[in-house]
Amino acid sequence: MDIDWKVLLDLLQWLLTIAVALAVWLRKPGEEAGAAVTELTAEVRDAQAHVNARLATLEERVKHMPTSEELAELEGTVKAVGAQVEGLSEGLSSVRAQLNRIETYLLQQK
C-alpha cells in the first residue's frame, strides 16, 4: 500500500484552512457580543453614577428637613403667636375707637 504523501498533505492543509476559517467565523459573534457587553457595562456604570448622585442629593435634603417633633413645636408656636395677634387686634380696636373719639372732639372744637 503506497501512501501518496502529497495528496495527504494537501488534504491536511485544506482541513486546517477550513478549521481556521470556521473558528474565525464562529468567533466573530462572540466578539460582537463582547463589545455589546462592554457597551452595556458602560451604560450601567453611567446610570449607577447618576442614581448615586441623585441619592446623595436626597440624603442631603433629608438631613435638613424638620422632624415631626420640631413641626409639632413649630405648630404650637404659630398658634401662640396667632393668639397674641388676636389679643393685640382687640386692643388696637379699642385704641382706634378712642382715637376716633379724640379726633371727633378736636374737629368739633374748631
N, C-alpha and C. Protein backbone atom coordinates (compact mmCIF):
# COMPACT_ATOMS: atom_id res chain seq x y z
N MET A 1 0.84 -1.16 0.00
CA MET A 1 0.00 0.00 0.00
C MET A 1 0.90 1.24 0.00
N ASP A 2 0.75 1.93 -1.04
CA ASP A 2 1.59 3.10 -1.22
C ASP A 2 0.77 4.35 -0.90
N ILE A 3 1.22 5.11 0.08
CA ILE A 3 0.51 6.32 0.51
C ILE A 3 1.08 7.50 -0.27
N ASP A 4 0.18 8.23 -0.85
CA ASP A 4 0.60 9.43 -1.57
C ASP A 4 0.66 10.59 -0.57
N TRP A 5 1.87 10.91 -0.19
CA TRP A 5 2.07 11.93 0.85
C TRP A 5 1.64 13.31 0.38
N LYS A 6 1.80 13.60 -0.85
CA LYS A 6 1.43 14.91 -1.37
C LYS A 6 -0.08 15.11 -1.25
N VAL A 7 -0.87 14.15 -1.60
CA VAL A 7 -2.32 14.23 -1.51
C VAL A 7 -2.74 14.33 -0.04
N LEU A 8 -2.07 13.55 0.78
CA LEU A 8 -2.38 13.58 2.22
C LEU A 8 -2.06 14.95 2.82
N LEU A 9 -0.93 15.54 2.46
CA LEU A 9 -0.57 16.87 2.96
C LEU A 9 -1.52 17.93 2.41
N ASP A 10 -1.90 17.81 1.13
CA ASP A 10 -2.86 18.76 0.57
C ASP A 10 -4.20 18.66 1.31
N LEU A 11 -4.64 17.44 1.57
CA LEU A 11 -5.88 17.24 2.30
C LEU A 11 -5.79 17.81 3.71
N LEU A 12 -4.65 17.58 4.37
CA LEU A 12 -4.43 18.12 5.72
C LEU A 12 -4.41 19.64 5.69
N GLN A 13 -3.82 20.22 4.68
CA GLN A 13 -3.76 21.68 4.55
C GLN A 13 -5.18 22.23 4.37
N TRP A 14 -5.99 21.59 3.53
CA TRP A 14 -7.36 22.04 3.33
C TRP A 14 -8.18 21.91 4.61
N LEU A 15 -8.01 20.84 5.32
CA LEU A 15 -8.74 20.65 6.59
C LEU A 15 -8.35 21.72 7.61
N LEU A 16 -7.06 22.02 7.68
CA LEU A 16 -6.58 23.05 8.61
C LEU A 16 -7.11 24.42 8.22
N THR A 17 -7.13 24.74 6.94
CA THR A 17 -7.66 26.02 6.46
C THR A 17 -9.14 26.14 6.78
N ILE A 18 -9.88 25.09 6.53
CA ILE A 18 -11.31 25.09 6.84
C ILE A 18 -11.54 25.23 8.34
N ALA A 19 -10.74 24.56 9.15
CA ALA A 19 -10.87 24.65 10.62
C ALA A 19 -10.60 26.07 11.10
N VAL A 20 -9.57 26.72 10.55
CA VAL A 20 -9.24 28.10 10.94
C VAL A 20 -10.37 29.03 10.50
N ALA A 21 -10.86 28.87 9.27
CA ALA A 21 -11.95 29.72 8.79
C ALA A 21 -13.19 29.54 9.65
N LEU A 22 -13.49 28.31 10.00
CA LEU A 22 -14.64 28.03 10.84
C LEU A 22 -14.47 28.65 12.23
N ALA A 23 -13.27 28.56 12.80
CA ALA A 23 -13.01 29.14 14.12
C ALA A 23 -13.16 30.66 14.08
N VAL A 24 -12.65 31.29 13.02
CA VAL A 24 -12.77 32.75 12.90
C VAL A 24 -14.23 33.13 12.72
N TRP A 25 -14.95 32.37 11.89
CA TRP A 25 -16.35 32.67 11.65
C TRP A 25 -17.18 32.51 12.92
N LEU A 26 -16.87 31.49 13.71
CA LEU A 26 -17.60 31.28 14.96
C LEU A 26 -17.19 32.28 16.03
N ARG A 27 -16.00 32.82 15.94
CA ARG A 27 -15.51 33.75 16.96
C ARG A 27 -16.10 35.14 16.77
N LYS A 28 -16.44 35.54 15.57
CA LYS A 28 -16.94 36.88 15.28
C LYS A 28 -18.18 37.23 16.10
N PRO A 29 -19.21 36.38 16.16
CA PRO A 29 -20.35 36.73 17.01
C PRO A 29 -19.95 36.89 18.48
N GLY A 30 -18.98 36.13 18.90
CA GLY A 30 -18.50 36.26 20.28
C GLY A 30 -17.86 37.62 20.52
N GLU A 31 -17.12 38.11 19.53
CA GLU A 31 -16.51 39.43 19.65
C GLU A 31 -17.59 40.51 19.68
N GLU A 32 -18.61 40.37 18.83
CA GLU A 32 -19.71 41.33 18.82
C GLU A 32 -20.46 41.31 20.15
N ALA A 33 -20.65 40.13 20.69
CA ALA A 33 -21.31 40.02 21.99
C ALA A 33 -20.45 40.64 23.08
N GLY A 34 -19.14 40.42 22.99
CA GLY A 34 -18.23 41.03 23.97
C GLY A 34 -18.27 42.54 23.90
N ALA A 35 -18.31 43.10 22.67
CA ALA A 35 -18.41 44.55 22.52
C ALA A 35 -19.74 45.06 23.07
N ALA A 36 -20.82 44.31 22.83
CA ALA A 36 -22.12 44.70 23.36
C ALA A 36 -22.13 44.67 24.89
N VAL A 37 -21.49 43.68 25.46
CA VAL A 37 -21.40 43.58 26.92
C VAL A 37 -20.60 44.75 27.47
N THR A 38 -19.51 45.10 26.81
CA THR A 38 -18.69 46.23 27.25
C THR A 38 -19.49 47.53 27.19
N GLU A 39 -20.23 47.72 26.11
CA GLU A 39 -21.05 48.92 25.96
C GLU A 39 -22.14 48.97 27.02
N LEU A 40 -22.78 47.83 27.25
CA LEU A 40 -23.83 47.77 28.26
C LEU A 40 -23.28 48.03 29.66
N THR A 41 -22.09 47.51 29.92
CA THR A 41 -21.45 47.75 31.22
C THR A 41 -21.20 49.24 31.42
N ALA A 42 -20.75 49.91 30.37
CA ALA A 42 -20.51 51.36 30.47
C ALA A 42 -21.82 52.10 30.73
N GLU A 43 -22.88 51.70 30.06
CA GLU A 43 -24.18 52.34 30.27
C GLU A 43 -24.67 52.12 31.70
N VAL A 44 -24.50 50.93 32.21
CA VAL A 44 -24.93 50.62 33.58
C VAL A 44 -24.12 51.44 34.58
N ARG A 45 -22.82 51.59 34.34
CA ARG A 45 -21.98 52.41 35.24
C ARG A 45 -22.44 53.87 35.22
N ASP A 46 -22.75 54.39 34.04
CA ASP A 46 -23.24 55.77 33.95
C ASP A 46 -24.56 55.93 34.69
N ALA A 47 -25.47 54.98 34.49
CA ALA A 47 -26.76 55.04 35.18
C ALA A 47 -26.58 54.94 36.69
N GLN A 48 -25.67 54.09 37.12
CA GLN A 48 -25.42 53.93 38.56
C GLN A 48 -24.82 55.21 39.14
N ALA A 49 -23.93 55.86 38.40
CA ALA A 49 -23.35 57.12 38.87
C ALA A 49 -24.44 58.19 38.99
N HIS A 50 -25.36 58.22 38.03
CA HIS A 50 -26.46 59.18 38.06
C HIS A 50 -27.37 58.92 39.27
N VAL A 51 -27.69 57.66 39.51
CA VAL A 51 -28.54 57.31 40.65
C VAL A 51 -27.83 57.65 41.97
N ASN A 52 -26.53 57.39 42.04
CA ASN A 52 -25.78 57.71 43.26
C ASN A 52 -25.77 59.20 43.51
N ALA A 53 -25.64 60.01 42.45
CA ALA A 53 -25.66 61.47 42.61
C ALA A 53 -27.03 61.94 43.11
N ARG A 54 -28.09 61.37 42.54
CA ARG A 54 -29.43 61.74 42.98
C ARG A 54 -29.67 61.32 44.43
N LEU A 55 -29.18 60.15 44.79
CA LEU A 55 -29.34 59.67 46.16
C LEU A 55 -28.60 60.57 47.14
N ALA A 56 -27.41 61.01 46.77
CA ALA A 56 -26.65 61.91 47.63
C ALA A 56 -27.40 63.23 47.82
N THR A 57 -28.01 63.73 46.75
CA THR A 57 -28.79 64.97 46.84
C THR A 57 -29.98 64.78 47.77
N LEU A 58 -30.67 63.66 47.63
CA LEU A 58 -31.83 63.40 48.50
C LEU A 58 -31.40 63.26 49.96
N GLU A 59 -30.31 62.57 50.20
CA GLU A 59 -29.83 62.42 51.58
C GLU A 59 -29.50 63.77 52.18
N GLU A 60 -28.90 64.66 51.40
CA GLU A 60 -28.56 65.99 51.90
C GLU A 60 -29.82 66.79 52.22
N ARG A 61 -30.83 66.67 51.38
CA ARG A 61 -32.08 67.39 51.64
C ARG A 61 -32.79 66.84 52.87
N VAL A 62 -32.76 65.53 53.04
CA VAL A 62 -33.43 64.91 54.19
C VAL A 62 -32.76 65.33 55.50
N LYS A 63 -31.44 65.54 55.46
CA LYS A 63 -30.74 65.97 56.68
C LYS A 63 -31.31 67.28 57.20
N HIS A 64 -31.73 68.16 56.30
CA HIS A 64 -32.18 69.49 56.71
C HIS A 64 -33.69 69.58 56.93
N MET A 65 -34.40 68.49 56.73
CA MET A 65 -35.84 68.51 56.95
C MET A 65 -36.14 68.41 58.45
N PRO A 66 -37.16 69.14 58.91
CA PRO A 66 -37.50 69.05 60.33
C PRO A 66 -38.16 67.72 60.67
N THR A 67 -37.98 67.33 61.92
CA THR A 67 -38.62 66.10 62.40
C THR A 67 -40.07 66.39 62.76
N SER A 68 -40.84 65.37 63.03
CA SER A 68 -42.25 65.57 63.39
C SER A 68 -42.37 66.31 64.72
N GLU A 69 -41.42 66.08 65.63
CA GLU A 69 -41.45 66.79 66.91
C GLU A 69 -41.20 68.28 66.69
N GLU A 70 -40.25 68.59 65.81
CA GLU A 70 -39.96 70.00 65.53
C GLU A 70 -41.15 70.68 64.85
N LEU A 71 -41.82 69.96 63.96
CA LEU A 71 -43.01 70.52 63.31
C LEU A 71 -44.13 70.75 64.32
N ALA A 72 -44.30 69.83 65.26
CA ALA A 72 -45.33 69.99 66.29
C ALA A 72 -45.01 71.21 67.16
N GLU A 73 -43.75 71.38 67.50
CA GLU A 73 -43.33 72.54 68.31
C GLU A 73 -43.58 73.83 67.54
N LEU A 74 -43.27 73.82 66.26
CA LEU A 74 -43.49 74.99 65.41
C LEU A 74 -44.98 75.31 65.31
N GLU A 75 -45.80 74.28 65.19
CA GLU A 75 -47.25 74.49 65.12
C GLU A 75 -47.76 75.14 66.41
N GLY A 76 -47.26 74.67 67.55
CA GLY A 76 -47.66 75.27 68.83
C GLY A 76 -47.22 76.72 68.91
N THR A 77 -46.02 77.02 68.43
CA THR A 77 -45.53 78.40 68.45
C THR A 77 -46.38 79.29 67.55
N VAL A 78 -46.75 78.79 66.39
CA VAL A 78 -47.58 79.57 65.47
C VAL A 78 -48.95 79.83 66.09
N LYS A 79 -49.51 78.84 66.77
CA LYS A 79 -50.81 79.05 67.44
C LYS A 79 -50.69 80.11 68.53
N ALA A 80 -49.60 80.07 69.29
CA ALA A 80 -49.39 81.06 70.35
C ALA A 80 -49.26 82.46 69.76
N VAL A 81 -48.52 82.58 68.67
CA VAL A 81 -48.36 83.88 68.02
C VAL A 81 -49.71 84.35 67.49
N GLY A 82 -50.51 83.43 66.92
CA GLY A 82 -51.84 83.79 66.44
C GLY A 82 -52.72 84.31 67.56
N ALA A 83 -52.66 83.67 68.72
CA ALA A 83 -53.45 84.13 69.87
C ALA A 83 -52.99 85.52 70.32
N GLN A 84 -51.70 85.77 70.31
CA GLN A 84 -51.19 87.09 70.68
C GLN A 84 -51.65 88.15 69.68
N VAL A 85 -51.64 87.82 68.41
CA VAL A 85 -52.08 88.77 67.39
C VAL A 85 -53.56 89.09 67.57
N GLU A 86 -54.36 88.08 67.89
CA GLU A 86 -55.78 88.34 68.14
C GLU A 86 -55.97 89.28 69.33
N GLY A 87 -55.19 89.06 70.37
CA GLY A 87 -55.28 89.93 71.55
C GLY A 87 -54.86 91.35 71.21
N LEU A 88 -53.80 91.48 70.45
CA LEU A 88 -53.35 92.82 70.04
C LEU A 88 -54.39 93.48 69.14
N SER A 89 -55.02 92.70 68.30
CA SER A 89 -56.05 93.24 67.41
C SER A 89 -57.21 93.81 68.21
N GLU A 90 -57.63 93.06 69.23
CA GLU A 90 -58.72 93.55 70.08
C GLU A 90 -58.29 94.82 70.82
N GLY A 91 -57.05 94.84 71.30
CA GLY A 91 -56.54 96.04 71.98
C GLY A 91 -56.45 97.22 71.03
N LEU A 92 -56.04 96.99 69.81
CA LEU A 92 -55.94 98.07 68.83
C LEU A 92 -57.31 98.61 68.44
N SER A 93 -58.31 97.74 68.42
CA SER A 93 -59.65 98.23 68.08
C SER A 93 -60.14 99.20 69.15
N SER A 94 -59.84 98.93 70.41
CA SER A 94 -60.25 99.87 71.47
C SER A 94 -59.44 101.17 71.37
N VAL A 95 -58.17 101.08 71.03
CA VAL A 95 -57.35 102.29 70.85
C VAL A 95 -57.87 103.08 69.66
N ARG A 96 -58.27 102.41 68.60
CA ARG A 96 -58.81 103.07 67.41
C ARG A 96 -60.11 103.82 67.78
N ALA A 97 -60.93 103.18 68.57
CA ALA A 97 -62.18 103.82 68.98
C ALA A 97 -61.87 105.08 69.79
N GLN A 98 -60.89 105.01 70.69
CA GLN A 98 -60.52 106.18 71.49
C GLN A 98 -59.95 107.29 70.61
N LEU A 99 -59.14 106.93 69.64
CA LEU A 99 -58.58 107.94 68.73
C LEU A 99 -59.68 108.59 67.90
N ASN A 100 -60.67 107.80 67.50
CA ASN A 100 -61.80 108.37 66.75
C ASN A 100 -62.56 109.38 67.62
N ARG A 101 -62.73 109.06 68.88
CA ARG A 101 -63.41 109.99 69.79
C ARG A 101 -62.61 111.27 69.95
N ILE A 102 -61.29 111.13 70.12
CA ILE A 102 -60.43 112.31 70.28
C ILE A 102 -60.47 113.15 69.02
N GLU A 103 -60.42 112.49 67.86
CA GLU A 103 -60.44 113.21 66.59
C GLU A 103 -61.76 113.96 66.42
N THR A 104 -62.84 113.29 66.75
CA THR A 104 -64.17 113.91 66.66
C THR A 104 -64.24 115.11 67.60
N TYR A 105 -63.76 114.99 68.79
CA TYR A 105 -63.77 116.08 69.77
C TYR A 105 -62.96 117.26 69.24
N LEU A 106 -61.76 116.97 68.73
CA LEU A 106 -60.91 118.05 68.23
C LEU A 106 -61.53 118.73 67.01
N LEU A 107 -62.18 117.98 66.14
CA LEU A 107 -62.80 118.59 64.96
C LEU A 107 -64.00 119.44 65.36
N GLN A 108 -64.70 119.04 66.40
CA GLN A 108 -65.85 119.83 66.85
C GLN A 108 -65.43 121.08 67.60
N GLN A 109 -64.26 121.13 68.18
CA GLN A 109 -63.77 122.27 68.93
C GLN A 109 -63.35 123.42 68.03
N LYS A 110 -63.14 123.21 66.79
CA LYS A 110 -62.70 124.27 65.90
C LYS A 110 -63.76 125.24 65.60
